[in-house]
């Protein structure tokens, strides 16, 4: 059984994706969060277990965000597998976070069947900015985990998941 998000009471959604507070110093539209664990921490905590599932029952809007972050962590690990040190990894994570990406409703978004598209262009731009901020913070945290070894080399216990595909999906196109 897959792990689901504990963030089930959400104040704001765009489409049908939860917009949750983030514990971050990265600029963006997310509400600051001072709690012990935010949605990124929760996703990182459950990542190694959830990544093995080919199907995932969505029980809340928080689960949709958890799915997106899980898929993004997989992309991060693919990039970090090619890095030799933390600084190089952080640069790769920043480049990945700010690169062009599809949001729900865009023709290239792989999970349009389970994500609602934003109601208007303003909501779409807000969602893109929120996801960009989330991707930046998530990349930093993943790099911190991967390069947390004493010798500064990447952790094989994280990189062994770089070839796994959660739900047999990938946020990047085929061959990337």
C-alpha atoms as a PDB file:
ATOM      1  CA  UNK A   1       0.000   0.000   0.000  1.00  0.00           C
ATOM      2  CA  UNK A   2       1.363   3.403  -0.985  1.00  0.00           C
ATOM      3  CA  UNK A   3       1.842   6.216   1.497  1.00  0.00           C
ATOM      4  CA  UNK A   4      -0.526   9.166   1.160  1.00  0.00           C
ATOM      5  CA  UNK A   5      -0.105  12.802   2.079  1.00  0.00           C
ATOM      6  CA  UNK A   6      -1.029  13.855   5.593  1.00  0.00           C
ATOM      7  CA  UNK A   7      -1.909  17.298   4.184  1.00  0.00           C
ATOM      8  CA  UNK A   8      -5.598  16.708   3.518  1.00  0.00           C
ATOM      9  CA  UNK A   9      -7.045  19.995   4.761  1.00  0.00           C
ATOM     10  CA  UNK A  10      -5.975  22.537   2.168  1.00  0.00           C
ATOM     11  CA  UNK A  11      -6.953  26.185   2.007  1.00  0.00           C
ATOM     12  CA  UNK A  12      -6.143  26.733  -1.658  1.00  0.00           C
ATOM     13  CA  UNK A  13      -6.145  24.662  -4.822  1.00  0.00           C
ATOM     14  CA  UNK A  14      -5.443  25.439  -8.468  1.00  0.00           C
ATOM     15  CA  UNK A  15      -7.197  23.039 -10.773  1.00  0.00           C
ATOM     16  CA  UNK A  16      -7.372  20.185  -8.315  1.00  0.00           C
ATOM     17  CA  UNK A  17      -3.795  20.421  -7.005  1.00  0.00           C
ATOM     18  CA  UNK A  18      -3.180  21.594  -3.438  1.00  0.00           C
ATOM     19  CA  UNK A  19      -1.224  24.799  -2.911  1.00  0.00           C
ATOM     20  CA  UNK A  20       0.503  24.196   0.414  1.00  0.00           C
ATOM     21  CA  UNK A  21       2.882  26.316   2.501  1.00  0.00           C
ATOM     22  CA  UNK A  22       6.592  25.599   2.038  1.00  0.00           C
ATOM     23  CA  UNK A  23       9.533  25.864   4.405  1.00  0.00           C
ATOM     24  CA  UNK A  24      11.779  27.778   2.008  1.00  0.00           C
ATOM     25  CA  UNK A  25      14.009  30.785   1.517  1.00  0.00           C
ATOM     26  CA  UNK A  26      13.386  30.726  -2.239  1.00  0.00           C
ATOM     27  CA  UNK A  27      11.264  33.611  -3.492  1.00  0.00           C
ATOM     28  CA  UNK A  28       7.847  32.791  -4.846  1.00  0.00           C
ATOM     29  CA  UNK A  29       4.113  32.777  -4.148  1.00  0.00           C
ATOM     30  CA  UNK A  30       4.096  29.967  -1.539  1.00  0.00           C
ATOM     31  CA  UNK A  31       3.043  30.864   1.984  1.00  0.00           C
ATOM     32  CA  UNK A  32       6.012  30.469   4.370  1.00  0.00           C
ATOM     33  CA  UNK A  33       5.815  27.460   6.676  1.00  0.00           C
ATOM     34  CA  UNK A  34       7.568  27.219  10.039  1.00  0.00           C
ATOM     35  CA  UNK A  35       6.475  23.689  10.940  1.00  0.00           C
ATOM     36  CA  UNK A  36       8.752  20.676  11.352  1.00  0.00           C
ATOM     37  CA  UNK A  37       7.606  18.993   8.139  1.00  0.00           C
ATOM     38  CA  UNK A  38       6.194  20.437   4.932  1.00  0.00           C
ATOM     39  CA  UNK A  39       5.013  18.605   1.796  1.00  0.00           C
ATOM     40  CA  UNK A  40       8.567  18.381   0.397  1.00  0.00           C
ATOM     41  CA  UNK A  41       9.868  16.757   3.593  1.00  0.00           C
ATOM     42  CA  UNK A  42       6.915  14.369   3.585  1.00  0.00           C
ATOM     43  CA  UNK A  43       7.553  13.387  -0.043  1.00  0.00           C
ATOM     44  CA  UNK A  44      11.272  12.852   0.595  1.00  0.00           C
ATOM     45  CA  UNK A  45      10.386  10.723   3.622  1.00  0.00           C
ATOM     46  CA  UNK A  46       8.030   8.473   1.622  1.00  0.00           C
ATOM     47  CA  UNK A  47       9.946   8.598  -1.676  1.00  0.00           C
ATOM     48  CA  UNK A  48      11.929   5.367  -1.338  1.00  0.00           C
ATOM     49  CA  UNK A  49       8.772   3.388  -0.556  1.00  0.00           C
ATOM     50  CA  UNK A  50       6.372   5.114  -2.964  1.00  0.00           C
ATOM     51  CA  UNK A  51       8.671   5.042  -5.998  1.00  0.00           C
ATOM     52  CA  UNK A  52       8.086   1.290  -6.376  1.00  0.00           C
ATOM     53  CA  UNK A  53       4.335   1.665  -6.990  1.00  0.00           C
ATOM     54  CA  UNK A  54       2.976   1.492 -10.516  1.00  0.00           C
ATOM     55  CA  UNK A  55      -0.453   2.739  -9.468  1.00  0.00           C
ATOM     56  CA  UNK A  56      -1.424   5.269  -6.862  1.00  0.00           C
ATOM     57  CA  UNK A  57      -4.909   5.931  -5.561  1.00  0.00           C
ATOM     58  CA  UNK A  58      -5.454   9.669  -5.130  1.00  0.00           C
ATOM     59  CA  UNK A  59      -7.285  10.375  -1.884  1.00  0.00           C
ATOM     60  CA  UNK A  60      -6.818  14.156  -1.622  1.00  0.00           C
ATOM     61  CA  UNK A  61      -5.510  17.224  -3.417  1.00  0.00           C
ATOM     62  CA  UNK A  62      -2.387  16.854  -1.260  1.00  0.00           C
ATOM     63  CA  UNK A  63      -1.773  13.491  -2.931  1.00  0.00           C
ATOM     64  CA  UNK A  64      -1.655  15.190  -6.334  1.00  0.00           C
ATOM     65  CA  UNK A  65       1.118  17.461  -5.092  1.00  0.00           C
ATOM     66  CA  UNK A  66       2.903  14.472  -3.515  1.00  0.00           C
ATOM     67  CA  UNK A  67       2.777  12.663  -6.890  1.00  0.00           C
ATOM     68  CA  UNK A  68       4.207  15.689  -8.703  1.00  0.00           C
ATOM     69  CA  UNK A  69       7.036  16.080  -6.172  1.00  0.00           C
ATOM     70  CA  UNK A  70       7.814  12.332  -6.291  1.00  0.00           C
ATOM     71  CA  UNK A  71       8.121  12.512 -10.074  1.00  0.00           C
ATOM     72  CA  UNK A  72      10.282  15.634  -9.765  1.00  0.00           C
ATOM     73  CA  UNK A  73      12.591  13.946  -7.224  1.00  0.00           C
ATOM     74  CA  UNK A  74      13.091  11.158  -9.777  1.00  0.00           C
ATOM     75  CA  UNK A  75      14.174  13.773 -12.327  1.00  0.00           C
ATOM     76  CA  UNK A  76      16.524  15.311  -9.762  1.00  0.00           C
ATOM     77  CA  UNK A  77      18.146  11.963  -9.051  1.00  0.00           C
ATOM     78  CA  UNK A  78      18.724  11.363 -12.776  1.00  0.00           C
ATOM     79  CA  UNK A  79      20.601  14.677 -12.981  1.00  0.00           C
ATOM     80  CA  UNK A  80      22.490  14.167  -9.705  1.00  0.00           C
ATOM     81  CA  UNK A  81      23.701  10.727 -10.835  1.00  0.00           C
ATOM     82  CA  UNK A  82      25.946  12.576 -13.313  1.00  0.00           C
ATOM     83  CA  UNK A  83      27.380  14.977 -10.700  1.00  0.00           C
ATOM     84  CA  UNK A  84      30.591  14.434  -8.758  1.00  0.00           C
ATOM     85  CA  UNK A  85      30.192  16.977  -5.948  1.00  0.00           C
ATOM     86  CA  UNK A  86      27.586  19.008  -4.084  1.00  0.00           C
ATOM     87  CA  UNK A  87      28.280  22.340  -5.830  1.00  0.00           C
ATOM     88  CA  UNK A  88      27.874  20.770  -9.251  1.00  0.00           C
ATOM     89  CA  UNK A  89      24.707  19.053  -7.994  1.00  0.00           C
ATOM     90  CA  UNK A  90      23.226  22.312  -6.688  1.00  0.00           C
ATOM     91  CA  UNK A  91      23.937  24.007 -10.030  1.00  0.00           C
ATOM     92  CA  UNK A  92      22.215  21.159 -11.881  1.00  0.00           C
ATOM     93  CA  UNK A  93      19.233  21.361  -9.522  1.00  0.00           C
ATOM     94  CA  UNK A  94      18.875  25.110 -10.088  1.00  0.00           C
ATOM     95  CA  UNK A  95      19.065  24.645 -13.874  1.00  0.00           C
ATOM     96  CA  UNK A  96      16.456  21.879 -13.758  1.00  0.00           C
ATOM     97  CA  UNK A  97      14.120  23.902 -11.529  1.00  0.00           C
ATOM     98  CA  UNK A  98      14.062  27.001 -13.747  1.00  0.00           C
ATOM     99  CA  UNK A  99      13.992  25.165 -17.081  1.00  0.00           C
ATOM    100  CA  UNK A 100      10.742  25.227 -19.069  1.00  0.00           C
ATOM    101  CA  UNK A 101       8.200  22.716 -17.737  1.00  0.00           C
ATOM    102  CA  UNK A 102       4.589  21.799 -18.400  1.00  0.00           C
ATOM    103  CA  UNK A 103       1.800  22.326 -15.886  1.00  0.00           C
ATOM    104  CA  UNK A 104      -1.607  20.606 -15.735  1.00  0.00           C
ATOM    105  CA  UNK A 105      -3.599  21.580 -18.788  1.00  0.00           C
ATOM    106  CA  UNK A 106      -0.545  21.952 -21.061  1.00  0.00           C
ATOM    107  CA  UNK A 107      -0.510  19.413 -23.913  1.00  0.00           C
ATOM    108  CA  UNK A 108       2.852  17.967 -22.769  1.00  0.00           C
ATOM    109  CA  UNK A 109       1.866  17.375 -19.129  1.00  0.00           C
ATOM    110  CA  UNK A 110       1.904  13.606 -18.599  1.00  0.00           C
ATOM    111  CA  UNK A 111      -0.842  13.387 -15.971  1.00  0.00           C
ATOM    112  CA  UNK A 112      -3.560  15.564 -17.491  1.00  0.00           C
ATOM    113  CA  UNK A 113      -6.035  12.726 -16.983  1.00  0.00           C
ATOM    114  CA  UNK A 114      -5.902  13.098 -13.175  1.00  0.00           C
ATOM    115  CA  UNK A 115      -5.046  16.796 -12.793  1.00  0.00           C
ATOM    116  CA  UNK A 116      -7.498  19.603 -13.467  1.00  0.00           C
ATOM    117  CA  UNK A 117      -6.257  22.536 -15.470  1.00  0.00           C
ATOM    118  CA  UNK A 118      -6.196  26.034 -14.002  1.00  0.00           C
ATOM    119  CA  UNK A 119      -9.436  27.990 -14.444  1.00  0.00           C
ATOM    120  CA  UNK A 120      -7.771  30.919 -16.229  1.00  0.00           C
ATOM    121  CA  UNK A 121      -4.410  32.298 -17.370  1.00  0.00           C
ATOM    122  CA  UNK A 122      -3.821  34.088 -14.051  1.00  0.00           C
ATOM    123  CA  UNK A 123      -4.264  30.827 -12.093  1.00  0.00           C
ATOM    124  CA  UNK A 124      -2.018  29.077 -14.612  1.00  0.00           C
ATOM    125  CA  UNK A 125       0.742  31.628 -14.088  1.00  0.00           C
ATOM    126  CA  UNK A 126       0.357  31.353 -10.302  1.00  0.00           C
ATOM    127  CA  UNK A 127       0.631  27.544 -10.511  1.00  0.00           C
ATOM    128  CA  UNK A 128       3.722  27.774 -12.723  1.00  0.00           C
ATOM    129  CA  UNK A 129       5.382  30.202 -10.248  1.00  0.00           C
ATOM    130  CA  UNK A 130       4.409  28.008  -7.272  1.00  0.00           C
ATOM    131  CA  UNK A 131       5.757  24.851  -8.927  1.00  0.00           C
ATOM    132  CA  UNK A 132       8.950  26.678  -9.899  1.00  0.00           C
ATOM    133  CA  UNK A 133       9.491  27.713  -6.265  1.00  0.00           C
ATOM    134  CA  UNK A 134       8.670  24.178  -5.119  1.00  0.00           C
ATOM    135  CA  UNK A 135      11.099  22.690  -7.674  1.00  0.00           C
ATOM    136  CA  UNK A 136      13.894  25.022  -6.533  1.00  0.00           C
ATOM    137  CA  UNK A 137      13.451  24.125  -2.857  1.00  0.00           C
ATOM    138  CA  UNK A 138      12.987  20.430  -3.590  1.00  0.00           C
ATOM    139  CA  UNK A 139      16.177  20.354  -5.689  1.00  0.00           C
ATOM    140  CA  UNK A 140      18.181  21.906  -2.849  1.00  0.00           C
ATOM    141  CA  UNK A 141      16.862  19.365  -0.350  1.00  0.00           C
ATOM    142  CA  UNK A 142      17.445  16.390  -2.658  1.00  0.00           C
ATOM    143  CA  UNK A 143      21.027  17.545  -3.329  1.00  0.00           C
ATOM    144  CA  UNK A 144      21.567  17.896   0.436  1.00  0.00           C
ATOM    145  CA  UNK A 145      20.405  14.293   0.948  1.00  0.00           C
ATOM    146  CA  UNK A 146      22.408  12.861  -1.958  1.00  0.00           C
ATOM    147  CA  UNK A 147      25.633  14.626  -0.963  1.00  0.00           C
ATOM    148  CA  UNK A 148      25.329  14.150   2.803  1.00  0.00           C
ATOM    149  CA  UNK A 149      28.109  11.557   2.912  1.00  0.00           C
ATOM    150  CA  UNK A 150      31.273  12.210   4.924  1.00  0.00           C
ATOM    151  CA  UNK A 151      33.529  12.098   1.852  1.00  0.00           C
ATOM    152  CA  UNK A 152      31.281  14.438  -0.177  1.00  0.00           C
ATOM    153  CA  UNK A 153      30.607  11.847  -2.850  1.00  0.00           C
ATOM    154  CA  UNK A 154      27.019  11.085  -3.902  1.00  0.00           C
ATOM    155  CA  UNK A 155      25.119   8.572  -1.773  1.00  0.00           C
ATOM    156  CA  UNK A 156      24.548   5.292  -3.568  1.00  0.00           C
ATOM    157  CA  UNK A 157      21.510   4.765  -1.328  1.00  0.00           C
ATOM    158  CA  UNK A 158      19.781   7.673  -3.036  1.00  0.00           C
ATOM    159  CA  UNK A 159      21.197   7.320  -6.540  1.00  0.00           C
ATOM    160  CA  UNK A 160      20.102   3.678  -6.775  1.00  0.00           C
ATOM    161  CA  UNK A 161      16.586   5.114  -7.264  1.00  0.00           C
ATOM    162  CA  UNK A 162      17.576   7.276 -10.256  1.00  0.00           C
ATOM    163  CA  UNK A 163      16.381   4.669 -12.757  1.00  0.00           C
ATOM    164  CA  UNK A 164      13.071   3.969 -11.002  1.00  0.00           C
ATOM    165  CA  UNK A 165       9.894   5.399 -12.503  1.00  0.00           C
ATOM    166  CA  UNK A 166       7.049   6.148 -10.132  1.00  0.00           C
ATOM    167  CA  UNK A 167       3.774   5.024 -11.748  1.00  0.00           C
ATOM    168  CA  UNK A 168       5.857   4.270 -14.874  1.00  0.00           C
ATOM    169  CA  UNK A 169       5.844   8.028 -15.573  1.00  0.00           C
ATOM    170  CA  UNK A 170       8.492  10.698 -16.015  1.00  0.00           C
ATOM    171  CA  UNK A 171       8.161  14.480 -16.046  1.00  0.00           C
ATOM    172  CA  UNK A 172      10.794  14.678 -18.783  1.00  0.00           C
ATOM    173  CA  UNK A 173      10.111  13.496 -22.287  1.00  0.00           C
ATOM    174  CA  UNK A 174      11.215  10.111 -23.612  1.00  0.00           C
ATOM    175  CA  UNK A 175      14.958   9.690 -23.947  1.00  0.00           C
ATOM    176  CA  UNK A 176      15.811  12.527 -21.563  1.00  0.00           C
END
